[in-house]
């Protein structure tokens, strides 16, 4: 009995030593994050309440102006539409990737990755060519007799939504594919044997099991859409400005760091709030209920 106690007292300090060693290993990474992310962000947010005069005047002007509120509305409407459309398109694609033969799935994955690796500016300019009044899409629609005159697909929020949906699709397909691939096919087979129709297998079995992947992908797409700059500026124009463009204009053109910091803080608060909501409602599912 005493031997067991002695052995326990000797081995007890080992986990603490391992924890200290593990913590010391992440110190450089924490220092890097603090120096190159936390400090610059904190400095920018501090300027939002100090410039041009101390106080919350920047936030009052930002949230009290109809022009700025319209920009906020544009940002959230487009981000919500892009997220919803990406989910509607991405779920069937992820499901098809999960059930198709490995060789064909590898080809589709290569196409998805190739689209992600292609320069963003080049892809956006390509959409400008396709969506303009004399572009391929309008010509095809007119040639098929579906429209009589070209549709306005650029320099508006429609073009921004189309271009951003194309760019965001891989970011929602990949998380969904990872979750769907882990679902045991025997579960769907058991549901079918119990009399469930294909629709019931989809709505009552597959979709509930895929909710964590849908939530993760939707959050990723929505947050990225909130802060996107290149595609909205090229396809939307100045008349349909979004929040990232507004921040860039405050900082680069107007040299108004106070207003830029205030707009950045609003964007940061929205992003963190969405992340907290996801953890609250889907965190336990992502961790297997632990």
Protein backbone atom coordinates (compact mmCIF):
# COMPACT_ATOMS: atom_id res chain seq x y z
CA UNK A 1 0.00 0.00 0.00
CA UNK A 2 2.79 2.42 0.91
CA UNK A 3 4.61 1.46 -2.25
CA UNK A 4 1.55 2.48 -4.30
CA UNK A 5 1.33 5.81 -2.46
CA UNK A 6 5.02 6.50 -3.01
CA UNK A 7 4.69 5.71 -6.70
CA UNK A 8 1.66 8.02 -6.99
CA UNK A 9 3.51 10.87 -5.25
CA UNK A 10 6.46 10.46 -7.58
CA UNK A 11 4.38 10.35 -10.76
CA UNK A 12 2.02 13.19 -9.80
CA UNK A 13 4.33 16.10 -10.77
CA UNK A 14 4.88 14.69 -14.27
CA UNK A 15 1.61 15.99 -15.83
CA UNK A 16 2.28 19.48 -14.45
CA UNK A 17 5.73 19.44 -15.97
CA UNK A 18 4.28 18.33 -19.27
CA UNK A 19 1.72 21.11 -19.15
CA UNK A 20 4.45 23.69 -18.49
CA UNK A 21 6.50 22.30 -21.35
CA UNK A 22 3.48 22.39 -23.65
CA UNK A 23 2.66 25.98 -22.68
CA UNK A 24 6.22 27.13 -23.30
CA UNK A 25 6.00 25.62 -26.77
CA UNK A 26 3.06 27.85 -27.77
CA UNK A 27 4.51 31.07 -26.32
CA UNK A 28 6.17 32.08 -29.63
CA UNK A 29 2.88 31.56 -31.47
CA UNK A 30 0.97 33.57 -28.86
CA UNK A 31 3.56 36.34 -29.05
CA UNK A 32 3.27 36.41 -32.85
CA UNK A 33 -0.54 36.70 -32.66
CA UNK A 34 -0.29 39.42 -30.01
CA UNK A 35 2.26 41.52 -31.92
CA UNK A 36 0.86 41.22 -35.42
CA UNK A 37 -2.88 40.95 -34.73
CA UNK A 38 -4.05 41.95 -31.26
CA UNK A 39 -1.89 45.07 -30.90
CA UNK A 40 -2.70 46.56 -34.35
CA UNK A 41 -6.41 45.83 -33.93
CA UNK A 42 -6.43 47.32 -30.43
CA UNK A 43 -4.59 50.42 -31.70
CA UNK A 44 -7.11 50.89 -34.52
CA UNK A 45 -10.06 50.48 -32.18
CA UNK A 46 -8.50 52.87 -29.69
CA UNK A 47 -8.24 55.52 -32.39
CA UNK A 48 -11.97 55.13 -33.01
CA UNK A 49 -12.68 56.75 -29.62
CA UNK A 50 -9.76 59.20 -29.61
CA UNK A 51 -9.80 60.75 -33.11
CA UNK A 52 -10.58 63.43 -34.04
CA UNK A 53 -11.76 64.13 -30.48
CA UNK A 54 -12.13 61.74 -27.52
CA UNK A 55 -15.59 60.25 -27.20
CA UNK A 56 -18.09 58.16 -29.14
CA UNK A 57 -18.82 60.73 -31.82
CA UNK A 58 -17.58 58.45 -34.58
CA UNK A 59 -20.05 55.74 -33.60
CA UNK A 60 -22.91 58.25 -33.33
CA UNK A 61 -22.15 59.56 -36.82
CA UNK A 62 -21.70 56.07 -38.25
CA UNK A 63 -24.95 54.66 -36.84
CA UNK A 64 -26.95 57.88 -37.22
CA UNK A 65 -26.33 58.52 -40.93
CA UNK A 66 -28.77 57.17 -43.50
CA UNK A 67 -25.92 56.80 -46.00
CA UNK A 68 -23.84 54.64 -43.68
CA UNK A 69 -26.87 52.62 -42.60
CA UNK A 70 -27.57 51.86 -46.27
CA UNK A 71 -24.01 50.54 -46.60
CA UNK A 72 -24.58 48.32 -43.55
CA UNK A 73 -27.83 47.09 -45.10
CA UNK A 74 -26.08 46.33 -48.40
CA UNK A 75 -23.40 44.39 -46.57
CA UNK A 76 -25.74 42.22 -44.51
CA UNK A 77 -28.24 41.63 -47.34
CA UNK A 78 -25.55 40.54 -49.80
CA UNK A 79 -23.77 38.40 -47.18
CA UNK A 80 -27.04 36.71 -46.23
CA UNK A 81 -27.97 36.04 -49.86
CA UNK A 82 -24.52 34.69 -50.67
CA UNK A 83 -24.67 32.38 -47.64
CA UNK A 84 -28.16 31.10 -48.46
CA UNK A 85 -27.43 30.50 -52.15
CA UNK A 86 -24.10 28.86 -51.33
CA UNK A 87 -25.88 26.47 -48.95
CA UNK A 88 -28.53 25.61 -51.54
CA UNK A 89 -25.90 24.88 -54.18
CA UNK A 90 -23.17 23.53 -51.93
CA UNK A 91 -25.19 20.87 -50.11
CA UNK A 92 -26.11 18.81 -53.22
CA UNK A 93 -22.55 19.14 -54.50
CA UNK A 94 -21.07 17.98 -51.18
CA UNK A 95 -23.54 15.08 -51.05
CA UNK A 96 -22.66 14.06 -54.61
CA UNK A 97 -18.94 14.21 -53.79
CA UNK A 98 -19.50 12.00 -50.75
CA UNK A 99 -21.28 9.22 -52.67
CA UNK A 100 -19.59 9.31 -56.09
CA UNK A 101 -16.64 7.02 -57.00
CA UNK A 102 -13.26 8.07 -55.64
CA UNK A 103 -11.64 8.81 -59.00
CA UNK A 104 -14.46 11.09 -60.16
CA UNK A 105 -14.57 12.79 -56.76
CA UNK A 106 -10.84 13.49 -57.06
CA UNK A 107 -11.41 15.23 -60.40
CA UNK A 108 -14.19 17.40 -58.95
CA UNK A 109 -12.01 18.24 -55.95
CA UNK A 110 -9.20 19.25 -58.29
CA UNK A 111 -11.58 21.63 -60.09
CA UNK A 112 -12.70 23.14 -56.77
CA UNK A 113 -9.13 23.62 -55.57
CA UNK A 114 -8.09 25.06 -58.92
CA UNK A 115 -10.82 27.67 -58.64
CA UNK A 116 -9.60 28.58 -55.14
CA UNK A 117 -5.98 28.86 -56.28
CA UNK A 118 -6.79 31.07 -59.27
CA UNK A 119 -6.09 34.74 -58.66
CA UNK A 120 -9.12 36.48 -57.13
CA UNK A 121 -8.72 39.59 -59.25
CA UNK A 122 -8.60 37.53 -62.45
CA UNK A 123 -11.76 35.66 -61.46
CA UNK A 124 -13.59 38.89 -60.68
CA UNK A 125 -12.61 40.46 -64.00
CA UNK A 126 -13.79 37.29 -65.74
CA UNK A 127 -17.21 37.75 -64.14
CA UNK A 128 -17.24 41.38 -65.27
CA UNK A 129 -16.80 40.16 -68.85
CA UNK A 130 -19.50 37.50 -68.48
CA UNK A 131 -22.08 39.72 -66.77
CA UNK A 132 -21.81 42.92 -68.80
CA UNK A 133 -24.62 43.92 -71.18
CA UNK A 134 -22.74 42.49 -74.17
CA UNK A 135 -21.38 39.55 -72.20
CA UNK A 136 -21.86 35.85 -72.78
CA UNK A 137 -24.71 35.41 -70.28
CA UNK A 138 -26.89 38.15 -71.75
CA UNK A 139 -26.17 36.94 -75.28
CA UNK A 140 -27.16 33.37 -74.37
CA UNK A 141 -30.38 34.49 -72.69
CA UNK A 142 -31.31 36.68 -75.65
CA UNK A 143 -30.39 33.94 -78.12
CA UNK A 144 -32.72 31.50 -76.33
CA UNK A 145 -35.50 34.08 -76.43
CA UNK A 146 -35.79 34.33 -72.64
CA UNK A 147 -35.19 38.09 -72.60
CA UNK A 148 -35.67 40.88 -75.14
CA UNK A 149 -32.98 43.23 -73.86
CA UNK A 150 -29.79 42.78 -71.83
CA UNK A 151 -30.18 42.45 -68.07
CA UNK A 152 -28.24 44.83 -65.79
CA UNK A 153 -25.95 42.33 -64.06
CA UNK A 154 -22.98 44.54 -63.18
CA UNK A 155 -22.57 47.71 -61.14
CA UNK A 156 -25.33 46.51 -58.83
CA UNK A 157 -25.85 44.11 -55.93
CA UNK A 158 -26.97 41.35 -58.31
CA UNK A 159 -23.53 41.15 -59.86
CA UNK A 160 -21.89 41.28 -56.43
CA UNK A 161 -24.05 38.38 -55.22
CA UNK A 162 -23.29 36.26 -58.29
CA UNK A 163 -19.55 36.87 -58.16
CA UNK A 164 -19.25 36.33 -54.42
CA UNK A 165 -21.35 33.16 -54.50
CA UNK A 166 -18.99 31.66 -57.06
CA UNK A 167 -15.99 32.56 -54.90
CA UNK A 168 -17.54 31.31 -51.65
CA UNK A 169 -18.86 27.96 -52.86
CA UNK A 170 -15.67 25.96 -52.12
CA UNK A 171 -15.64 27.29 -48.55
CA UNK A 172 -19.03 25.76 -47.85
CA UNK A 173 -18.66 22.60 -49.93
CA UNK A 174 -15.52 21.41 -48.14
CA UNK A 175 -16.91 21.57 -44.54
CA UNK A 176 -20.16 19.97 -45.69
CA UNK A 177 -18.30 17.20 -47.49
CA UNK A 178 -16.27 16.43 -44.35
CA UNK A 179 -19.41 16.07 -42.22
CA UNK A 180 -21.46 14.11 -44.78
CA UNK A 181 -18.57 11.75 -45.49
CA UNK A 182 -18.51 10.76 -41.80
CA UNK A 183 -22.19 9.81 -41.75
CA UNK A 184 -22.54 6.03 -41.72
CA UNK A 185 -24.55 4.91 -44.80
CA UNK A 186 -26.05 2.19 -42.62
CA UNK A 187 -28.08 4.89 -40.85
CA UNK A 188 -29.81 5.87 -44.09
CA UNK A 189 -30.30 2.22 -45.00
CA UNK A 190 -31.87 1.54 -41.61
CA UNK A 191 -34.23 4.49 -42.09
CA UNK A 192 -35.24 3.16 -45.52
CA UNK A 193 -35.83 -0.33 -44.10
CA UNK A 194 -38.07 1.18 -41.43
CA UNK A 195 -40.28 2.63 -44.16
CA UNK A 196 -38.85 6.13 -44.57
CA UNK A 197 -39.17 7.63 -48.03
CA UNK A 198 -36.24 9.31 -49.79
CA UNK A 199 -37.58 12.69 -48.77
CA UNK A 200 -37.88 11.60 -45.13
CA UNK A 201 -34.35 10.17 -45.19
CA UNK A 202 -33.13 13.55 -46.44
CA UNK A 203 -35.11 15.82 -44.12
CA UNK A 204 -35.18 13.68 -40.94
CA UNK A 205 -31.87 11.85 -41.10
CA UNK A 206 -29.29 13.39 -43.40
CA UNK A 207 -30.00 17.09 -42.85
CA UNK A 208 -30.04 16.89 -39.00
CA UNK A 209 -26.75 14.99 -39.02
CA UNK A 210 -25.22 17.53 -41.42
CA UNK A 211 -26.31 20.58 -39.40
CA UNK A 212 -22.86 21.11 -37.73
CA UNK A 213 -21.17 21.23 -41.13
CA UNK A 214 -23.86 23.52 -42.51
CA UNK A 215 -23.50 25.86 -39.55
CA UNK A 216 -19.70 25.94 -39.81
CA UNK A 217 -19.75 26.53 -43.56
CA UNK A 218 -22.50 29.17 -43.34
CA UNK A 219 -20.66 31.05 -40.61
CA UNK A 220 -17.41 30.97 -42.58
CA UNK A 221 -19.08 32.21 -45.77
CA UNK A 222 -21.11 34.91 -44.00
CA UNK A 223 -18.13 36.30 -42.09
CA UNK A 224 -15.89 36.28 -45.15
CA UNK A 225 -18.64 38.00 -47.16
CA UNK A 226 -18.95 40.75 -44.55
CA UNK A 227 -15.31 41.71 -45.01
CA UNK A 228 -14.92 41.16 -48.75
CA UNK A 229 -13.47 44.05 -50.72
CA UNK A 230 -12.26 43.26 -54.26
CA UNK A 231 -15.37 41.63 -55.73
CA UNK A 232 -17.92 44.19 -54.38
CA UNK A 233 -15.77 47.12 -55.46
CA UNK A 234 -15.44 45.83 -59.04
CA UNK A 235 -18.88 44.32 -59.61
CA UNK A 236 -20.90 46.67 -57.43
CA UNK A 237 -19.42 50.09 -58.00
CA UNK A 238 -19.49 53.11 -55.70
CA UNK A 239 -23.30 53.32 -55.74
CA UNK A 240 -23.53 49.90 -54.06
CA UNK A 241 -20.72 50.18 -51.54
CA UNK A 242 -20.24 47.59 -48.81
CA UNK A 243 -18.65 47.87 -45.39
CA UNK A 244 -15.13 46.79 -46.33
CA UNK A 245 -15.06 49.40 -49.10
CA UNK A 246 -16.26 52.03 -46.63
CA UNK A 247 -13.45 51.21 -44.20
CA UNK A 248 -10.89 51.37 -47.02
CA UNK A 249 -12.27 54.74 -48.13
CA UNK A 250 -12.09 56.14 -44.59
CA UNK A 251 -8.48 55.02 -44.13
CA UNK A 252 -6.99 55.49 -47.61
CA UNK A 253 -8.93 58.34 -49.23
CA UNK A 254 -10.24 60.41 -46.33
CA UNK A 255 -7.43 59.52 -43.86
CA UNK A 256 -10.11 59.35 -41.18
CA UNK A 257 -8.77 56.64 -38.88
CA UNK A 258 -11.40 57.33 -36.24
CA UNK A 259 -14.34 56.52 -38.50
CA UNK A 260 -12.45 53.63 -40.06
CA UNK A 261 -11.79 52.17 -36.62
CA UNK A 262 -15.43 52.59 -35.61
CA UNK A 263 -16.64 50.77 -38.73
CA UNK A 264 -14.05 48.04 -38.13
CA UNK A 265 -15.23 47.59 -34.53
CA UNK A 266 -18.84 47.19 -35.66
CA UNK A 267 -17.72 44.51 -38.12
CA UNK A 268 -15.64 42.79 -35.43
CA UNK A 269 -18.51 42.80 -32.91
CA UNK A 270 -20.90 41.28 -35.47
CA UNK A 271 -18.36 38.58 -36.37
CA UNK A 272 -17.68 37.63 -32.74
CA UNK A 273 -21.40 37.62 -31.95
CA UNK A 274 -22.06 35.18 -34.78
CA UNK A 275 -19.23 32.97 -33.56
CA UNK A 276 -20.67 32.96 -30.02
CA UNK A 277 -24.10 32.03 -31.39
CA UNK A 278 -22.60 29.14 -33.33
CA UNK A 279 -20.77 27.88 -30.24
CA UNK A 280 -23.95 28.21 -28.18
CA UNK A 281 -26.18 26.23 -30.51
CA UNK A 282 -23.79 23.97 -32.42
CA UNK A 283 -20.69 23.68 -30.24
CA UNK A 284 -21.86 20.57 -28.42
CA UNK A 285 -22.71 18.87 -31.71
CA UNK A 286 -19.29 19.66 -33.14
CA UNK A 287 -17.61 18.10 -30.14
CA UNK A 288 -19.78 15.02 -30.07
CA UNK A 289 -21.92 16.28 -27.17
CA UNK A 290 -19.06 16.54 -24.70
